[in-house]
Amino acid sequence: MFKELNDFLEENQKSVYYLFAISVLPLIIDAGVVYLLVQNEKYILSLNSMSWAFIYCIASISMAVGLIHTTFAALVGGFFLGWFSLIYMVPSYLVATLLGYYLGGFIDDGRLMNYFMKGEKSSKIFQNLKRKELLVIFFSRISPVLPFAVMNAVLSMLGANLKRYIPATLAGMLPRTIMFTWLGVEAKSIAEIMHGPKENIYARVLFVVLLMFSSLGLYLLANKALKAGLDKAIDRA
């Protein structure tokens, strides 16, 4: 087991470092952005549409490279712009989706997929998951806990088809984006938005529903792919 893990890390070192970085960085940067928002709240409230369009362009790049969370961007947008923020937020995370996809593919250069395709069992499991790729992407996107930038990179590294990747991302991201925008709309202060669904019973219920729905969907897909892959491997033995 340790040898396999060591081999995996050696072959995919660059990708693992990148995934670790985009998992940790938003936790630090989100907190820093909150401080800046608190200090400049009155000025931000006076911004015009062109200023917000520019801000969301910056946010799009930041989300793509894993500097801020999409959920955080939705919360902030809901607080300052209300439901109108969705007009900026949806295109912003779609652009970030594409940028993250190409960046992940560039950094990984096919290593992760090649690693899984080397083994007979793992390749069969991988191929079975690819047949349900649209659902895999959708369930991974609708989860409120799976980081946006990390999933962009992982799905790209695993060779997600771009024609399925974009619509499945849109369908999966929209419910969680609406939920966190709503929390931003309901927040009475910038500090309050950092509590997320903890302070809203309805949001907590919705959060759990989305999490369970995503987890169950991914479990069923993975379990079916695992069983089918092992059955084919046994038949060939």
Foldseek 3Di string as FASTA:
>chain_A
DVVLVVVLCVLQVQLVVQLVCLVPQQVVQLVVVLVVCQVCVVVLLPDDPVVVLVVLLVVLCCLLSNNHFLLSVLLQLLQRPNPVSCVSSLVSVLSSLVSLLVVLCVRRVLRVLVVQCVDQLSVQLLVLLLVVLLLLLLLLQLQPPRTPSSSSNVCSSNPRDPVSNRVSNSNRNVVSSVLSSVLSNPDPDSVSSVCPCVVPPVSVVVNVVSNVSSVVSNVVSSVVSNVRSVVVVVVVD
